[in-house]
Amino acid sequence: MMDYSKIIKDLEANTNIESGFIVSRDGLLIYTDAENIHTIPFAAMNATILSSAEFAMDEIGEGIPKRIIVEGKKKNIVIVGAGKDLLLAVIVNGDCDEAFEKIAEAARKIATGGK
């Protein structure tokens, strides 16, 4: 079995990411280390956001989006697909630009079983 905690911990150690969520495409929480947040509804909302974005992009003929960013005042949420069955959602403190490459790398690890 893949060690999701290691992927999330490595991601958080090298970026300004506060917490990460690995979620099934149908919204079930697979893994998170987040505290002080309603993790199960948060996971479901992120799956809905990704699904809606994928549908919208398909409607305009652009295929699957690279990422979805929800920008707040001080924190942001970045959602990316992680294979056909999972997604990775992260809460980023401040600017997301520096974290994009690491988020994509973590999503690839999740999609390929940690390889």
Protein backbone atom coordinates (compact mmCIF):
# COMPACT_ATOMS: atom_id res chain seq x y z
CA MET A 1 0.00 0.00 0.00
CA MET A 2 1.22 3.48 -0.86
CA ASP A 3 2.42 5.71 1.97
CA TYR A 4 0.23 8.77 1.39
CA SER A 5 1.46 10.38 4.60
CA LYS A 6 5.04 10.47 3.28
CA ILE A 7 3.96 12.11 0.01
CA ILE A 8 2.01 14.80 1.89
CA LYS A 9 4.73 15.35 4.51
CA ASP A 10 7.40 15.70 1.80
CA LEU A 11 5.21 18.17 -0.05
CA GLU A 12 4.60 20.27 3.06
CA ALA A 13 8.28 20.20 4.06
CA ASN A 14 9.44 21.81 0.82
CA THR A 15 6.72 24.40 0.19
CA ASN A 16 4.40 26.86 1.88
CA ILE A 17 1.67 24.23 1.92
CA GLU A 18 -0.26 24.03 5.16
CA SER A 19 -2.02 20.71 4.54
CA GLY A 20 -2.80 18.23 1.82
CA PHE A 21 -5.76 16.02 1.00
CA ILE A 22 -5.87 12.91 -1.13
CA VAL A 23 -9.45 12.40 -2.23
CA SER A 24 -11.26 9.93 -4.46
CA ARG A 25 -12.90 11.41 -7.56
CA ASP A 26 -16.29 10.75 -5.96
CA GLY A 27 -15.37 12.85 -2.92
CA LEU A 28 -14.30 10.31 -0.32
CA LEU A 29 -11.41 11.39 1.86
CA ILE A 30 -8.50 8.97 1.47
CA TYR A 31 -5.83 10.77 3.51
CA THR A 32 -5.14 14.12 5.14
CA ASP A 33 -3.04 15.48 7.95
CA ALA A 34 -5.21 18.58 8.31
CA GLU A 35 -6.51 19.64 11.69
CA ASN A 36 -9.10 22.23 12.72
CA ILE A 37 -11.05 21.82 9.48
CA HIS A 38 -14.09 19.73 8.56
CA THR A 39 -12.07 17.33 6.42
CA ILE A 40 -14.83 15.10 5.05
CA PRO A 41 -17.02 17.93 3.63
CA PHE A 42 -13.87 19.73 2.45
CA ALA A 43 -12.79 16.64 0.51
CA ALA A 44 -16.21 16.29 -1.10
CA MET A 45 -16.28 19.98 -2.10
CA ASN A 46 -12.88 19.71 -3.76
CA ALA A 47 -13.98 16.67 -5.78
CA THR A 48 -17.05 18.61 -6.92
CA ILE A 49 -14.94 21.62 -7.91
CA LEU A 50 -12.55 19.45 -9.96
CA SER A 51 -15.39 17.55 -11.62
CA SER A 52 -17.14 20.80 -12.55
CA ALA A 53 -13.95 22.30 -13.94
CA GLU A 54 -13.27 19.19 -16.01
CA PHE A 55 -16.80 19.32 -17.45
CA ALA A 56 -16.48 23.04 -18.25
CA MET A 57 -13.11 22.56 -19.98
CA ASP A 58 -14.50 19.63 -21.95
CA GLU A 59 -17.36 21.85 -23.14
CA ILE A 60 -14.89 24.28 -24.69
CA GLY A 61 -12.75 21.50 -26.13
CA GLU A 62 -9.75 22.01 -23.88
CA GLY A 63 -9.62 18.63 -22.15
CA ILE A 64 -8.58 18.19 -18.55
CA PRO A 65 -7.48 21.29 -16.60
CA LYS A 66 -3.92 21.29 -15.22
CA ARG A 67 -5.08 22.68 -11.89
CA ILE A 68 -7.84 24.64 -10.20
CA ILE A 69 -6.93 27.51 -7.91
CA VAL A 70 -9.29 29.06 -5.38
CA GLU A 71 -7.72 32.29 -4.18
CA GLY A 72 -8.40 33.75 -0.75
CA LYS A 73 -7.00 36.73 1.12
CA LYS A 74 -4.11 34.84 2.74
CA LYS A 75 -4.61 31.22 1.73
CA ASN A 76 -5.34 29.42 -1.50
CA ILE A 77 -6.62 25.99 -2.44
CA VAL A 78 -4.98 24.19 -5.35
CA ILE A 79 -6.66 21.08 -6.76
CA VAL A 80 -5.05 18.73 -9.29
CA GLY A 81 -5.96 15.34 -10.67
CA ALA A 82 -3.83 12.48 -9.40
CA GLY A 83 -4.61 9.71 -11.87
CA LYS A 84 -8.02 8.57 -12.98
CA ASP A 85 -9.32 7.75 -9.50
CA LEU A 86 -7.82 10.36 -7.15
CA LEU A 87 -7.15 14.05 -6.74
CA LEU A 88 -4.78 16.09 -4.62
CA ALA A 89 -6.02 19.25 -2.92
CA VAL A 90 -3.69 21.45 -0.91
CA ILE A 91 -4.07 24.55 1.22
CA VAL A 92 -1.29 27.00 0.44
CA ASN A 93 -0.29 29.88 2.67
CA GLY A 94 0.25 32.87 0.40
CA ASP A 95 1.49 32.66 -3.18
CA CYS A 96 1.00 29.36 -5.03
CA ASP A 97 3.47 29.89 -7.86
CA GLU A 98 6.44 28.31 -6.11
CA ALA A 99 4.42 25.26 -5.05
CA PHE A 100 2.98 24.31 -8.48
CA GLU A 101 5.87 22.07 -9.55
CA LYS A 102 5.96 20.23 -6.21
CA ILE A 103 2.18 19.78 -6.26
CA ALA A 104 2.35 18.29 -9.77
CA GLU A 105 5.19 15.98 -8.69
CA ALA A 106 3.19 14.76 -5.67
CA ALA A 107 0.12 14.17 -7.88
CA ARG A 108 2.27 12.05 -10.25
CA LYS A 109 3.51 9.98 -7.31
CA ILE A 110 -0.05 9.41 -6.13
CA ALA A 111 -1.18 8.48 -9.66
CA THR A 112 1.67 6.01 -10.20
CA GLY A 113 1.58 4.37 -6.80
CA GLY A 114 4.55 6.25 -5.40
CA LYS A 115 6.93 5.47 -8.25
